[in-house]
N, C-alpha and C. Protein backbone atom coordinates (compact mmCIF):
# COMPACT_ATOMS: atom_id res chain seq x y z
N MET A 1 -50.13 -15.27 115.00
CA MET A 1 -50.67 -14.78 113.73
C MET A 1 -51.87 -15.62 113.32
N ARG A 2 -52.85 -14.94 112.76
CA ARG A 2 -54.04 -15.62 112.27
C ARG A 2 -54.09 -15.53 110.74
N THR A 3 -54.62 -16.56 110.12
CA THR A 3 -54.64 -16.63 108.66
C THR A 3 -56.06 -16.68 108.14
N LEU A 4 -56.37 -15.73 107.27
CA LEU A 4 -57.69 -15.57 106.70
C LEU A 4 -57.58 -15.78 105.19
N THR A 5 -58.35 -16.72 104.65
CA THR A 5 -58.28 -17.03 103.23
C THR A 5 -59.58 -16.68 102.54
N PHE A 6 -59.46 -15.99 101.40
CA PHE A 6 -60.63 -15.70 100.57
C PHE A 6 -60.62 -16.68 99.41
N LEU A 7 -61.72 -17.41 99.24
CA LEU A 7 -61.77 -18.40 98.18
C LEU A 7 -63.15 -18.43 97.55
N GLY A 8 -63.18 -18.94 96.33
CA GLY A 8 -64.44 -19.11 95.62
C GLY A 8 -64.26 -20.12 94.52
N SER A 9 -65.33 -20.80 94.17
CA SER A 9 -65.26 -21.81 93.13
C SER A 9 -65.41 -21.21 91.74
N LYS A 10 -65.88 -19.97 91.65
CA LYS A 10 -66.06 -19.31 90.36
C LYS A 10 -65.61 -17.87 90.47
N GLY A 11 -65.28 -17.29 89.32
CA GLY A 11 -64.81 -15.92 89.30
C GLY A 11 -65.96 -14.93 89.31
N GLY A 12 -65.62 -13.66 89.49
CA GLY A 12 -66.61 -12.61 89.40
C GLY A 12 -67.36 -12.30 90.67
N CYS A 13 -66.99 -12.94 91.78
CA CYS A 13 -67.73 -12.72 93.03
C CYS A 13 -67.15 -11.56 93.85
N GLY A 14 -66.09 -10.92 93.35
CA GLY A 14 -65.50 -9.80 94.07
C GLY A 14 -64.57 -10.23 95.18
N LYS A 15 -63.99 -11.41 95.04
CA LYS A 15 -63.13 -11.99 96.08
C LYS A 15 -61.91 -11.11 96.38
N THR A 16 -61.21 -10.69 95.34
CA THR A 16 -59.99 -9.90 95.54
C THR A 16 -60.33 -8.53 96.12
N THR A 17 -61.40 -7.92 95.65
CA THR A 17 -61.82 -6.63 96.19
C THR A 17 -62.15 -6.75 97.67
N ALA A 18 -62.83 -7.83 98.04
CA ALA A 18 -63.17 -8.04 99.45
C ALA A 18 -61.92 -8.28 100.28
N ALA A 19 -60.96 -9.03 99.74
CA ALA A 19 -59.72 -9.30 100.46
C ALA A 19 -58.96 -8.00 100.72
N ALA A 20 -58.88 -7.14 99.72
CA ALA A 20 -58.20 -5.85 99.88
C ALA A 20 -58.93 -4.97 100.89
N LEU A 21 -60.26 -4.98 100.82
CA LEU A 21 -61.07 -4.17 101.73
C LEU A 21 -60.82 -4.58 103.18
N VAL A 22 -60.79 -5.88 103.44
CA VAL A 22 -60.55 -6.38 104.79
C VAL A 22 -59.12 -6.08 105.23
N ALA A 23 -58.16 -6.22 104.31
CA ALA A 23 -56.76 -5.97 104.65
C ALA A 23 -56.55 -4.55 105.13
N VAL A 24 -57.12 -3.59 104.43
CA VAL A 24 -56.96 -2.18 104.82
C VAL A 24 -57.71 -1.89 106.12
N ALA A 25 -58.92 -2.44 106.25
CA ALA A 25 -59.69 -2.21 107.47
C ALA A 25 -58.98 -2.80 108.68
N ALA A 26 -58.40 -3.99 108.52
CA ALA A 26 -57.69 -4.62 109.63
C ALA A 26 -56.44 -3.82 110.00
N ALA A 27 -55.73 -3.33 108.99
CA ALA A 27 -54.53 -2.52 109.24
C ALA A 27 -54.90 -1.25 110.00
N ARG A 28 -56.01 -0.63 109.63
CA ARG A 28 -56.46 0.58 110.33
C ARG A 28 -56.86 0.28 111.77
N ALA A 29 -57.26 -0.98 112.01
CA ALA A 29 -57.68 -1.37 113.36
C ALA A 29 -56.50 -1.80 114.23
N GLY A 30 -55.29 -1.75 113.66
CA GLY A 30 -54.10 -2.03 114.46
C GLY A 30 -53.40 -3.34 114.15
N GLU A 31 -53.93 -4.12 113.20
CA GLU A 31 -53.25 -5.36 112.82
C GLU A 31 -52.07 -5.06 111.90
N LYS A 32 -51.03 -5.87 111.99
CA LYS A 32 -49.95 -5.82 111.01
C LYS A 32 -50.25 -6.88 109.97
N VAL A 33 -50.72 -6.42 108.81
CA VAL A 33 -51.33 -7.31 107.83
C VAL A 33 -50.34 -7.70 106.73
N ALA A 34 -50.29 -9.00 106.46
CA ALA A 34 -49.50 -9.55 105.37
C ALA A 34 -50.44 -10.08 104.30
N LEU A 35 -50.02 -10.01 103.05
CA LEU A 35 -50.82 -10.50 101.92
C LEU A 35 -50.02 -11.53 101.15
N ILE A 36 -50.70 -12.60 100.73
CA ILE A 36 -50.15 -13.56 99.78
C ILE A 36 -51.17 -13.73 98.67
N ASP A 37 -50.73 -13.56 97.44
CA ASP A 37 -51.60 -13.65 96.27
C ASP A 37 -51.28 -14.93 95.51
N LEU A 38 -52.21 -15.89 95.54
CA LEU A 38 -52.00 -17.17 94.86
C LEU A 38 -52.77 -17.26 93.54
N ASP A 39 -53.40 -16.17 93.14
CA ASP A 39 -54.15 -16.17 91.88
C ASP A 39 -53.19 -15.84 90.73
N PRO A 40 -53.10 -16.70 89.71
CA PRO A 40 -52.22 -16.41 88.57
C PRO A 40 -52.50 -15.06 87.91
N GLN A 41 -53.73 -14.56 88.02
CA GLN A 41 -54.03 -13.24 87.46
C GLN A 41 -53.38 -12.12 88.25
N ALA A 42 -53.01 -12.40 89.50
CA ALA A 42 -52.26 -11.47 90.35
C ALA A 42 -52.94 -10.12 90.52
N SER A 43 -54.26 -10.12 90.62
CA SER A 43 -54.99 -8.85 90.77
C SER A 43 -54.68 -8.17 92.10
N LEU A 44 -54.55 -8.96 93.16
CA LEU A 44 -54.23 -8.36 94.46
C LEU A 44 -52.82 -7.78 94.45
N SER A 45 -51.89 -8.47 93.81
CA SER A 45 -50.51 -7.97 93.70
C SER A 45 -50.48 -6.67 92.91
N SER A 46 -51.23 -6.62 91.82
CA SER A 46 -51.25 -5.40 91.00
C SER A 46 -51.85 -4.24 91.78
N TRP A 47 -52.90 -4.52 92.54
CA TRP A 47 -53.50 -3.49 93.39
C TRP A 47 -52.47 -2.98 94.39
N TRP A 48 -51.76 -3.88 95.05
CA TRP A 48 -50.77 -3.49 96.05
C TRP A 48 -49.65 -2.67 95.42
N ASP A 49 -49.24 -3.02 94.21
CA ASP A 49 -48.18 -2.27 93.52
C ASP A 49 -48.58 -0.82 93.26
N ARG A 50 -49.87 -0.57 93.17
CA ARG A 50 -50.35 0.80 92.92
C ARG A 50 -50.54 1.60 94.19
N ARG A 51 -50.38 0.99 95.35
CA ARG A 51 -50.59 1.70 96.61
C ARG A 51 -49.43 2.63 96.94
N ASP A 52 -49.76 3.75 97.56
CA ASP A 52 -48.73 4.65 98.07
C ASP A 52 -48.16 4.11 99.38
N ASP A 53 -49.02 3.56 100.22
CA ASP A 53 -48.60 3.01 101.50
C ASP A 53 -48.46 1.50 101.36
N ALA A 54 -47.22 1.02 101.23
CA ALA A 54 -46.98 -0.40 100.99
C ALA A 54 -46.53 -1.14 102.24
N ASP A 55 -46.50 -0.45 103.37
CA ASP A 55 -45.98 -1.08 104.58
C ASP A 55 -47.03 -1.93 105.28
N ASN A 56 -48.26 -1.45 105.33
CA ASN A 56 -49.31 -2.17 106.04
C ASN A 56 -50.65 -1.88 105.36
N PRO A 57 -51.22 -2.84 104.61
CA PRO A 57 -50.76 -4.22 104.43
C PRO A 57 -49.52 -4.33 103.56
N HIS A 58 -48.79 -5.44 103.77
CA HIS A 58 -47.56 -5.68 103.03
C HIS A 58 -47.66 -6.98 102.25
N LEU A 59 -47.23 -6.93 100.99
CA LEU A 59 -47.31 -8.10 100.12
C LEU A 59 -46.04 -8.94 100.19
N PHE A 60 -46.22 -10.25 100.33
CA PHE A 60 -45.11 -11.21 100.28
C PHE A 60 -45.24 -12.03 99.01
N ARG A 61 -44.24 -11.93 98.16
CA ARG A 61 -44.26 -12.67 96.89
C ARG A 61 -43.47 -13.98 97.03
N GLY A 62 -43.74 -14.89 96.10
CA GLY A 62 -42.92 -16.09 95.98
C GLY A 62 -43.40 -17.27 96.78
N ALA A 63 -44.60 -17.22 97.32
CA ALA A 63 -45.10 -18.36 98.10
C ALA A 63 -45.40 -19.54 97.17
N ASP A 64 -44.99 -20.72 97.58
CA ASP A 64 -45.24 -21.94 96.83
C ASP A 64 -46.58 -22.51 97.30
N PRO A 65 -47.58 -22.59 96.42
CA PRO A 65 -48.88 -23.11 96.84
C PRO A 65 -48.82 -24.52 97.41
N GLN A 66 -47.80 -25.28 97.03
CA GLN A 66 -47.68 -26.64 97.52
C GLN A 66 -46.85 -26.73 98.80
N ASP A 67 -46.33 -25.63 99.27
CA ASP A 67 -45.55 -25.61 100.51
C ASP A 67 -45.87 -24.34 101.28
N LEU A 68 -47.15 -24.14 101.54
CA LEU A 68 -47.58 -22.89 102.14
C LEU A 68 -47.17 -22.76 103.60
N SER A 69 -46.95 -23.89 104.27
CA SER A 69 -46.54 -23.80 105.67
C SER A 69 -45.22 -23.04 105.80
N LYS A 70 -44.34 -23.20 104.82
CA LYS A 70 -43.08 -22.46 104.82
C LYS A 70 -43.34 -20.96 104.70
N ALA A 71 -44.25 -20.59 103.79
CA ALA A 71 -44.57 -19.18 103.60
C ALA A 71 -45.23 -18.60 104.85
N VAL A 72 -46.12 -19.36 105.46
CA VAL A 72 -46.79 -18.88 106.67
C VAL A 72 -45.79 -18.67 107.79
N ASP A 73 -44.86 -19.58 107.95
CA ASP A 73 -43.82 -19.43 108.98
C ASP A 73 -42.97 -18.19 108.71
N PHE A 74 -42.64 -17.97 107.45
CA PHE A 74 -41.83 -16.81 107.07
C PHE A 74 -42.56 -15.51 107.41
N VAL A 75 -43.84 -15.45 107.04
CA VAL A 75 -44.63 -14.24 107.28
C VAL A 75 -44.79 -13.99 108.78
N GLU A 76 -45.03 -15.05 109.53
CA GLU A 76 -45.17 -14.90 110.98
C GLU A 76 -43.86 -14.43 111.60
N GLY A 77 -42.75 -14.89 111.05
CA GLY A 77 -41.45 -14.45 111.54
C GLY A 77 -41.18 -12.99 111.29
N ALA A 78 -41.94 -12.40 110.34
CA ALA A 78 -41.81 -10.97 110.06
C ALA A 78 -42.72 -10.14 110.96
N SER A 79 -43.24 -10.76 112.02
CA SER A 79 -44.06 -10.10 113.04
C SER A 79 -45.45 -9.69 112.55
N SER A 80 -45.93 -10.33 111.50
CA SER A 80 -47.30 -10.07 111.05
C SER A 80 -48.28 -10.66 112.06
N THR A 81 -49.40 -9.98 112.24
CA THR A 81 -50.43 -10.50 113.13
C THR A 81 -51.62 -11.09 112.37
N LEU A 82 -51.74 -10.72 111.10
CA LEU A 82 -52.83 -11.24 110.27
C LEU A 82 -52.31 -11.49 108.87
N LEU A 83 -52.53 -12.70 108.37
CA LEU A 83 -52.19 -13.05 107.00
C LEU A 83 -53.47 -13.24 106.21
N ILE A 84 -53.57 -12.54 105.08
CA ILE A 84 -54.71 -12.69 104.19
C ILE A 84 -54.23 -13.30 102.88
N ILE A 85 -54.84 -14.42 102.51
CA ILE A 85 -54.46 -15.13 101.29
C ILE A 85 -55.59 -15.01 100.28
N ASP A 86 -55.25 -14.56 99.08
CA ASP A 86 -56.22 -14.51 97.98
C ASP A 86 -55.92 -15.68 97.05
N THR A 87 -56.96 -16.36 96.63
CA THR A 87 -56.78 -17.57 95.83
C THR A 87 -57.44 -17.42 94.47
N ALA A 88 -57.11 -18.36 93.60
CA ALA A 88 -57.71 -18.37 92.27
C ALA A 88 -58.98 -19.21 92.26
N PRO A 89 -60.02 -18.79 91.55
CA PRO A 89 -61.21 -19.62 91.45
C PRO A 89 -60.93 -20.88 90.65
N ALA A 90 -61.54 -21.97 91.06
CA ALA A 90 -61.52 -23.25 90.35
C ALA A 90 -60.19 -24.00 90.45
N PHE A 91 -59.17 -23.42 91.12
CA PHE A 91 -57.92 -24.14 91.31
C PHE A 91 -58.06 -24.99 92.58
N LEU A 92 -58.77 -26.09 92.46
CA LEU A 92 -59.16 -26.84 93.63
C LEU A 92 -57.96 -27.44 94.36
N GLY A 93 -56.92 -27.82 93.61
CA GLY A 93 -55.72 -28.36 94.26
C GLY A 93 -55.07 -27.32 95.15
N THR A 94 -54.98 -26.08 94.66
CA THR A 94 -54.41 -25.00 95.45
C THR A 94 -55.28 -24.70 96.67
N LEU A 95 -56.61 -24.71 96.46
CA LEU A 95 -57.51 -24.43 97.58
C LEU A 95 -57.37 -25.46 98.68
N ALA A 96 -57.15 -26.71 98.31
CA ALA A 96 -56.96 -27.75 99.33
C ALA A 96 -55.70 -27.48 100.13
N ALA A 97 -54.63 -27.04 99.46
CA ALA A 97 -53.38 -26.74 100.17
C ALA A 97 -53.56 -25.53 101.09
N VAL A 98 -54.30 -24.54 100.63
CA VAL A 98 -54.53 -23.34 101.43
C VAL A 98 -55.36 -23.66 102.66
N ALA A 99 -56.31 -24.57 102.52
CA ALA A 99 -57.18 -24.92 103.65
C ALA A 99 -56.37 -25.39 104.84
N CYS A 100 -55.28 -26.06 104.57
CA CYS A 100 -54.47 -26.65 105.65
C CYS A 100 -53.79 -25.59 106.52
N VAL A 101 -53.63 -24.38 106.01
CA VAL A 101 -52.94 -23.34 106.77
C VAL A 101 -53.88 -22.22 107.21
N SER A 102 -55.18 -22.38 106.95
CA SER A 102 -56.15 -21.31 107.21
C SER A 102 -56.81 -21.46 108.57
N ASP A 103 -56.95 -20.35 109.27
CA ASP A 103 -57.74 -20.33 110.50
C ASP A 103 -59.22 -20.09 110.19
N LEU A 104 -59.48 -19.38 109.08
CA LEU A 104 -60.86 -19.11 108.67
C LEU A 104 -60.88 -18.90 107.17
N MET A 105 -61.86 -19.51 106.51
CA MET A 105 -62.01 -19.37 105.06
C MET A 105 -63.26 -18.55 104.79
N VAL A 106 -63.11 -17.50 103.98
CA VAL A 106 -64.20 -16.60 103.64
C VAL A 106 -64.63 -16.86 102.21
N ILE A 107 -65.91 -17.14 102.02
CA ILE A 107 -66.43 -17.43 100.69
C ILE A 107 -67.37 -16.31 100.26
N PRO A 108 -66.90 -15.35 99.45
CA PRO A 108 -67.79 -14.28 98.97
C PRO A 108 -68.76 -14.85 97.93
N VAL A 109 -70.00 -14.42 98.01
CA VAL A 109 -71.03 -14.91 97.09
C VAL A 109 -71.88 -13.74 96.64
N MET A 110 -72.10 -13.64 95.33
CA MET A 110 -73.04 -12.65 94.82
C MET A 110 -74.45 -13.20 94.92
N ALA A 111 -75.42 -12.30 95.01
CA ALA A 111 -76.81 -12.71 95.15
C ALA A 111 -77.39 -13.07 93.79
N SER A 112 -77.04 -14.27 93.31
CA SER A 112 -77.59 -14.78 92.06
C SER A 112 -77.68 -16.29 92.15
N PRO A 113 -78.63 -16.90 91.43
CA PRO A 113 -78.74 -18.35 91.46
C PRO A 113 -77.47 -19.05 91.00
N GLN A 114 -76.80 -18.49 90.00
CA GLN A 114 -75.58 -19.11 89.49
C GLN A 114 -74.48 -19.12 90.54
N ASP A 115 -74.33 -18.00 91.26
CA ASP A 115 -73.29 -17.94 92.29
C ASP A 115 -73.63 -18.85 93.46
N LEU A 116 -74.89 -18.93 93.78
CA LEU A 116 -75.32 -19.81 94.87
C LEU A 116 -75.01 -21.27 94.54
N GLU A 117 -75.25 -21.66 93.29
CA GLU A 117 -74.97 -23.03 92.87
C GLU A 117 -73.47 -23.32 92.85
N GLY A 118 -72.66 -22.26 92.71
CA GLY A 118 -71.22 -22.47 92.57
C GLY A 118 -70.44 -22.54 93.86
N VAL A 119 -71.10 -22.42 95.03
CA VAL A 119 -70.35 -22.39 96.29
C VAL A 119 -69.96 -23.78 96.77
N ASP A 120 -70.60 -24.82 96.27
CA ASP A 120 -70.41 -26.16 96.84
C ASP A 120 -68.96 -26.64 96.84
N PRO A 121 -68.18 -26.50 95.74
CA PRO A 121 -66.79 -26.98 95.80
C PRO A 121 -65.97 -26.33 96.90
N ALA A 122 -66.14 -25.02 97.10
CA ALA A 122 -65.39 -24.33 98.16
C ALA A 122 -65.82 -24.82 99.53
N VAL A 123 -67.11 -25.01 99.71
CA VAL A 123 -67.63 -25.50 100.99
C VAL A 123 -67.10 -26.91 101.27
N GLN A 124 -67.09 -27.75 100.25
CA GLN A 124 -66.63 -29.13 100.43
C GLN A 124 -65.15 -29.17 100.81
N ILE A 125 -64.35 -28.28 100.23
CA ILE A 125 -62.92 -28.23 100.58
C ILE A 125 -62.76 -27.84 102.04
N ALA A 126 -63.50 -26.81 102.47
CA ALA A 126 -63.41 -26.38 103.87
C ALA A 126 -63.83 -27.51 104.81
N ARG A 127 -64.91 -28.17 104.48
CA ARG A 127 -65.40 -29.25 105.34
C ARG A 127 -64.46 -30.45 105.34
N ARG A 128 -63.93 -30.78 104.17
CA ARG A 128 -63.04 -31.94 104.08
C ARG A 128 -61.81 -31.75 104.96
N HIS A 129 -61.33 -30.50 105.04
CA HIS A 129 -60.13 -30.23 105.84
C HIS A 129 -60.48 -29.70 107.23
N LYS A 130 -61.78 -29.74 107.56
CA LYS A 130 -62.25 -29.36 108.88
C LYS A 130 -61.82 -27.94 109.25
N ARG A 131 -61.99 -27.04 108.28
CA ARG A 131 -61.66 -25.64 108.48
C ARG A 131 -62.93 -24.82 108.64
N PRO A 132 -62.95 -23.89 109.61
CA PRO A 132 -64.12 -23.00 109.73
C PRO A 132 -64.26 -22.14 108.47
N PHE A 133 -65.49 -21.89 108.08
CA PHE A 133 -65.73 -21.03 106.92
C PHE A 133 -66.96 -20.18 107.17
N VAL A 134 -67.00 -19.04 106.49
CA VAL A 134 -68.16 -18.15 106.55
C VAL A 134 -68.47 -17.67 105.15
N PHE A 135 -69.74 -17.37 104.92
CA PHE A 135 -70.17 -16.76 103.67
C PHE A 135 -70.24 -15.25 103.84
N LEU A 136 -69.86 -14.54 102.77
CA LEU A 136 -69.99 -13.09 102.72
C LEU A 136 -70.84 -12.74 101.51
N LEU A 137 -72.00 -12.16 101.73
CA LEU A 137 -72.82 -11.72 100.61
C LEU A 137 -72.20 -10.45 100.05
N ASN A 138 -71.73 -10.54 98.82
CA ASN A 138 -70.87 -9.50 98.25
C ASN A 138 -71.49 -8.93 96.97
N ARG A 139 -71.12 -7.69 96.66
CA ARG A 139 -71.61 -7.01 95.47
C ARG A 139 -73.14 -7.05 95.44
N VAL A 140 -73.74 -6.70 96.55
CA VAL A 140 -75.19 -6.78 96.72
C VAL A 140 -75.87 -5.58 96.07
N HIS A 141 -76.82 -5.86 95.18
CA HIS A 141 -77.54 -4.78 94.52
C HIS A 141 -78.57 -4.20 95.49
N PRO A 142 -78.61 -2.88 95.65
CA PRO A 142 -79.52 -2.27 96.64
C PRO A 142 -80.99 -2.51 96.34
N LYS A 143 -81.32 -2.86 95.09
CA LYS A 143 -82.71 -3.12 94.73
C LYS A 143 -82.96 -4.61 94.56
N GLY A 144 -82.06 -5.43 95.10
CA GLY A 144 -82.19 -6.88 94.95
C GLY A 144 -83.36 -7.48 95.70
N GLY A 145 -83.73 -6.87 96.82
CA GLY A 145 -84.91 -7.26 97.56
C GLY A 145 -85.05 -8.75 97.81
N PRO A 146 -86.10 -9.36 97.27
CA PRO A 146 -86.37 -10.78 97.50
C PRO A 146 -85.24 -11.70 97.07
N LEU A 147 -84.53 -11.34 95.98
CA LEU A 147 -83.41 -12.18 95.53
C LEU A 147 -82.31 -12.20 96.58
N ASN A 148 -81.95 -11.02 97.10
CA ASN A 148 -80.92 -10.95 98.14
C ASN A 148 -81.34 -11.77 99.36
N GLU A 149 -82.59 -11.63 99.74
CA GLU A 149 -83.09 -12.35 100.92
C GLU A 149 -83.10 -13.86 100.69
N GLY A 150 -83.46 -14.27 99.48
CA GLY A 150 -83.51 -15.70 99.18
C GLY A 150 -82.13 -16.33 99.18
N VAL A 151 -81.16 -15.64 98.59
CA VAL A 151 -79.79 -16.17 98.58
C VAL A 151 -79.22 -16.19 99.99
N ALA A 152 -79.47 -15.14 100.77
CA ALA A 152 -78.99 -15.10 102.15
C ALA A 152 -79.57 -16.26 102.96
N LYS A 153 -80.84 -16.53 102.79
CA LYS A 153 -81.49 -17.64 103.52
C LYS A 153 -80.88 -18.98 103.13
N ALA A 154 -80.63 -19.17 101.84
CA ALA A 154 -80.05 -20.42 101.36
C ALA A 154 -78.64 -20.61 101.90
N LEU A 155 -77.85 -19.54 101.93
CA LEU A 155 -76.48 -19.63 102.44
C LEU A 155 -76.48 -19.95 103.93
N ALA A 156 -77.38 -19.33 104.67
CA ALA A 156 -77.45 -19.55 106.12
C ALA A 156 -77.78 -21.00 106.45
N GLN A 157 -78.41 -21.70 105.52
CA GLN A 157 -78.72 -23.11 105.73
C GLN A 157 -77.50 -24.00 105.48
N GLU A 158 -76.50 -23.47 104.76
CA GLU A 158 -75.30 -24.24 104.43
C GLU A 158 -74.15 -23.98 105.40
N GLY A 159 -74.18 -22.86 106.09
CA GLY A 159 -73.09 -22.51 106.99
C GLY A 159 -73.33 -21.14 107.58
N GLN A 160 -72.32 -20.60 108.23
CA GLN A 160 -72.46 -19.29 108.87
C GLN A 160 -72.41 -18.18 107.83
N LEU A 161 -73.39 -17.32 107.85
CA LEU A 161 -73.44 -16.15 106.97
C LEU A 161 -73.16 -14.91 107.80
N LEU A 162 -72.15 -14.14 107.40
CA LEU A 162 -71.84 -12.91 108.11
C LEU A 162 -73.03 -11.95 108.04
N ASP A 163 -73.25 -11.22 109.12
CA ASP A 163 -74.38 -10.29 109.14
C ASP A 163 -74.04 -8.95 108.50
N VAL A 164 -72.92 -8.90 107.79
CA VAL A 164 -72.51 -7.71 107.06
C VAL A 164 -72.56 -8.02 105.56
N GLN A 165 -73.17 -7.14 104.80
CA GLN A 165 -73.20 -7.28 103.35
C GLN A 165 -72.41 -6.14 102.71
N ILE A 166 -71.73 -6.45 101.61
CA ILE A 166 -70.99 -5.42 100.89
C ILE A 166 -71.78 -5.03 99.64
N ALA A 167 -72.18 -3.78 99.58
CA ALA A 167 -73.01 -3.30 98.48
C ALA A 167 -72.19 -3.16 97.20
N ASP A 168 -72.88 -3.28 96.09
CA ASP A 168 -72.26 -3.13 94.78
C ASP A 168 -72.20 -1.63 94.45
N ARG A 169 -71.01 -1.05 94.63
CA ARG A 169 -70.84 0.38 94.37
C ARG A 169 -69.71 0.60 93.38
N LEU A 170 -69.84 1.66 92.57
CA LEU A 170 -68.78 2.00 91.63
C LEU A 170 -67.50 2.39 92.35
N ALA A 171 -67.63 2.79 93.62
CA ALA A 171 -66.46 3.19 94.40
C ALA A 171 -65.46 2.05 94.52
N HIS A 172 -65.93 0.80 94.51
CA HIS A 172 -65.02 -0.32 94.68
C HIS A 172 -64.05 -0.48 93.50
N PRO A 173 -64.52 -0.66 92.26
CA PRO A 173 -63.57 -0.79 91.16
C PRO A 173 -62.77 0.49 90.91
N ALA A 174 -63.40 1.64 91.13
CA ALA A 174 -62.70 2.91 90.91
C ALA A 174 -61.53 3.04 91.87
N ALA A 175 -61.74 2.70 93.13
CA ALA A 175 -60.68 2.80 94.12
C ALA A 175 -59.58 1.78 93.85
N MET A 176 -59.97 0.56 93.47
CA MET A 176 -58.97 -0.49 93.23
C MET A 176 -58.01 -0.11 92.12
N THR A 177 -58.48 0.59 91.11
CA THR A 177 -57.60 0.99 90.01
C THR A 177 -56.56 2.01 90.46
N GLU A 178 -56.79 2.65 91.60
CA GLU A 178 -55.85 3.64 92.14
C GLU A 178 -55.03 3.09 93.30
N GLY A 179 -55.13 1.78 93.54
CA GLY A 179 -54.38 1.18 94.63
C GLY A 179 -55.00 1.48 95.99
N LYS A 180 -56.28 1.76 96.01
CA LYS A 180 -56.99 2.02 97.26
C LYS A 180 -58.16 1.05 97.37
N THR A 181 -58.91 1.18 98.47
CA THR A 181 -60.16 0.48 98.59
C THR A 181 -61.27 1.51 98.71
N ALA A 182 -62.50 1.08 98.47
CA ALA A 182 -63.62 2.02 98.55
C ALA A 182 -63.71 2.65 99.93
N ALA A 183 -63.28 1.91 100.95
CA ALA A 183 -63.34 2.43 102.32
C ALA A 183 -62.42 3.64 102.52
N GLU A 184 -61.45 3.81 101.62
CA GLU A 184 -60.52 4.93 101.73
C GLU A 184 -61.01 6.17 100.99
N VAL A 185 -62.10 6.02 100.23
CA VAL A 185 -62.59 7.16 99.45
C VAL A 185 -64.08 7.41 99.63
N ASP A 186 -64.77 6.53 100.34
CA ASP A 186 -66.22 6.62 100.46
C ASP A 186 -66.62 6.28 101.90
N LYS A 187 -67.33 7.19 102.55
CA LYS A 187 -67.65 7.02 103.97
C LYS A 187 -68.58 5.83 104.23
N THR A 188 -69.55 5.63 103.35
CA THR A 188 -70.45 4.49 103.54
C THR A 188 -69.70 3.18 103.43
N SER A 189 -68.81 3.09 102.45
CA SER A 189 -67.99 1.89 102.30
C SER A 189 -67.05 1.71 103.48
N GLN A 190 -66.58 2.81 104.03
CA GLN A 190 -65.71 2.73 105.21
C GLN A 190 -66.45 2.10 106.38
N ARG A 191 -67.69 2.49 106.58
CA ARG A 191 -68.47 1.91 107.68
C ARG A 191 -68.71 0.41 107.43
N GLU A 192 -68.98 0.06 106.19
CA GLU A 192 -69.17 -1.36 105.85
C GLU A 192 -67.90 -2.15 106.12
N ALA A 193 -66.76 -1.62 105.68
CA ALA A 193 -65.50 -2.31 105.84
C ALA A 193 -65.14 -2.49 107.31
N THR A 194 -65.40 -1.48 108.11
CA THR A 194 -65.14 -1.57 109.55
C THR A 194 -65.99 -2.65 110.19
N ARG A 195 -67.27 -2.68 109.83
CA ARG A 195 -68.17 -3.71 110.36
C ARG A 195 -67.74 -5.10 109.89
N LEU A 196 -67.31 -5.19 108.63
CA LEU A 196 -66.88 -6.49 108.10
C LEU A 196 -65.68 -7.01 108.86
N TRP A 197 -64.67 -6.16 109.07
CA TRP A 197 -63.50 -6.62 109.80
C TRP A 197 -63.86 -7.01 111.23
N LYS A 198 -64.71 -6.24 111.89
CA LYS A 198 -65.10 -6.58 113.25
C LYS A 198 -65.81 -7.93 113.30
N ALA A 199 -66.63 -8.21 112.29
CA ALA A 199 -67.33 -9.49 112.24
C ALA A 199 -66.35 -10.64 112.02
N LEU A 200 -65.40 -10.46 111.12
CA LEU A 200 -64.41 -11.50 110.87
C LEU A 200 -63.48 -11.69 112.06
N ASP A 201 -63.11 -10.59 112.69
CA ASP A 201 -62.25 -10.65 113.87
C ASP A 201 -62.92 -11.44 114.98
N ALA A 202 -64.23 -11.26 115.12
CA ALA A 202 -64.97 -11.99 116.16
C ALA A 202 -65.00 -13.48 115.86
N VAL A 203 -65.18 -13.83 114.59
CA VAL A 203 -65.18 -15.25 114.23
C VAL A 203 -63.80 -15.84 114.42
N LEU A 204 -62.77 -15.11 114.03
CA LEU A 204 -61.40 -15.58 114.22
C LEU A 204 -61.09 -15.79 115.70
N ALA A 205 -61.56 -14.87 116.52
CA ALA A 205 -61.30 -14.98 117.96
C ALA A 205 -61.95 -16.23 118.54
N ALA A 206 -63.04 -16.64 117.94
CA ALA A 206 -63.75 -17.82 118.44
C ALA A 206 -63.21 -19.12 117.88
N THR A 207 -62.37 -19.03 116.84
CA THR A 207 -61.91 -20.25 116.18
C THR A 207 -60.40 -20.43 116.19
N SER A 208 -59.65 -19.40 116.61
CA SER A 208 -58.19 -19.50 116.56
C SER A 208 -57.57 -18.70 117.71
N PRO A 209 -56.29 -18.91 118.02
CA PRO A 209 -55.63 -18.14 119.07
C PRO A 209 -55.57 -16.66 118.72
N ALA A 210 -55.54 -15.80 119.78
CA ALA A 210 -55.44 -14.37 119.53
C ALA A 210 -54.09 -14.00 118.87
N PRO A 211 -54.28 -13.12 118.44
CA PRO A 211 -53.16 -12.75 117.60
C PRO A 211 -51.86 -11.92 117.95
N SER A 212 -38.17 0.19 101.81
CA SER A 212 -38.37 0.94 100.57
C SER A 212 -39.40 0.20 99.79
N LYS A 213 -40.28 0.65 98.93
CA LYS A 213 -41.44 -0.07 98.52
C LYS A 213 -41.05 -1.25 97.65
N ARG A 214 -40.99 -2.39 98.29
CA ARG A 214 -40.74 -3.63 97.57
C ARG A 214 -41.50 -4.73 98.29
N ALA A 215 -42.04 -5.64 97.54
CA ALA A 215 -42.63 -6.81 98.17
C ALA A 215 -41.50 -7.66 98.70
N THR A 216 -41.75 -8.34 99.81
CA THR A 216 -40.75 -9.22 100.37
C THR A 216 -40.79 -10.57 99.67
N ILE A 217 -39.64 -11.06 99.25
CA ILE A 217 -39.56 -12.35 98.58
C ILE A 217 -39.40 -13.43 99.63
N ILE A 218 -40.25 -14.44 99.58
CA ILE A 218 -40.14 -15.56 100.50
C ILE A 218 -39.07 -16.51 100.00
N ARG A 219 -38.12 -16.82 100.86
CA ARG A 219 -37.01 -17.70 100.47
C ARG A 219 -36.97 -18.92 101.38
């Protein structure tokens, strides 16, 4: 099993939406996907509760942020091939614990100076724990032009930037409110999500070994 963590030092970067998008895309590609939501706001859990198909991806509740190795072992024992962990922004202690169990850390960033300035704590956590990380340019405005290019260039100087960008579309929040992802209701978003998962899968392959409606309680 491989573990993919979505983290950010500040809120509003679309981290949970990106995590859900990847989870569904990976499940469609044949992965048995598990979810752990460590954000006290529980947005990923609420999204999962609204889904009609709760089997894949499947949510595991009750993970202790300070004993995540136990949760990871439990999830792997349930025959999951991919674990996606969503984290809370600014909870640096939790992020440090998550880093220890992650095969790859994904840092979504919006194309703005404020978001660019806010990536450093997440990057430092990944580096301190010697965990691979990638940047995802997220919620990209189609008319961003030079701003998008400038932020992308700055991120590429700090670490690996995925060559897939997720556009800022109304389909994303609209789908999330229905327990879906934009990729399930919008063809353009579907193509983006497929490309995103393929890009993450390739990075994971290079950095880690190959791989009734109720949430499962970790005991």
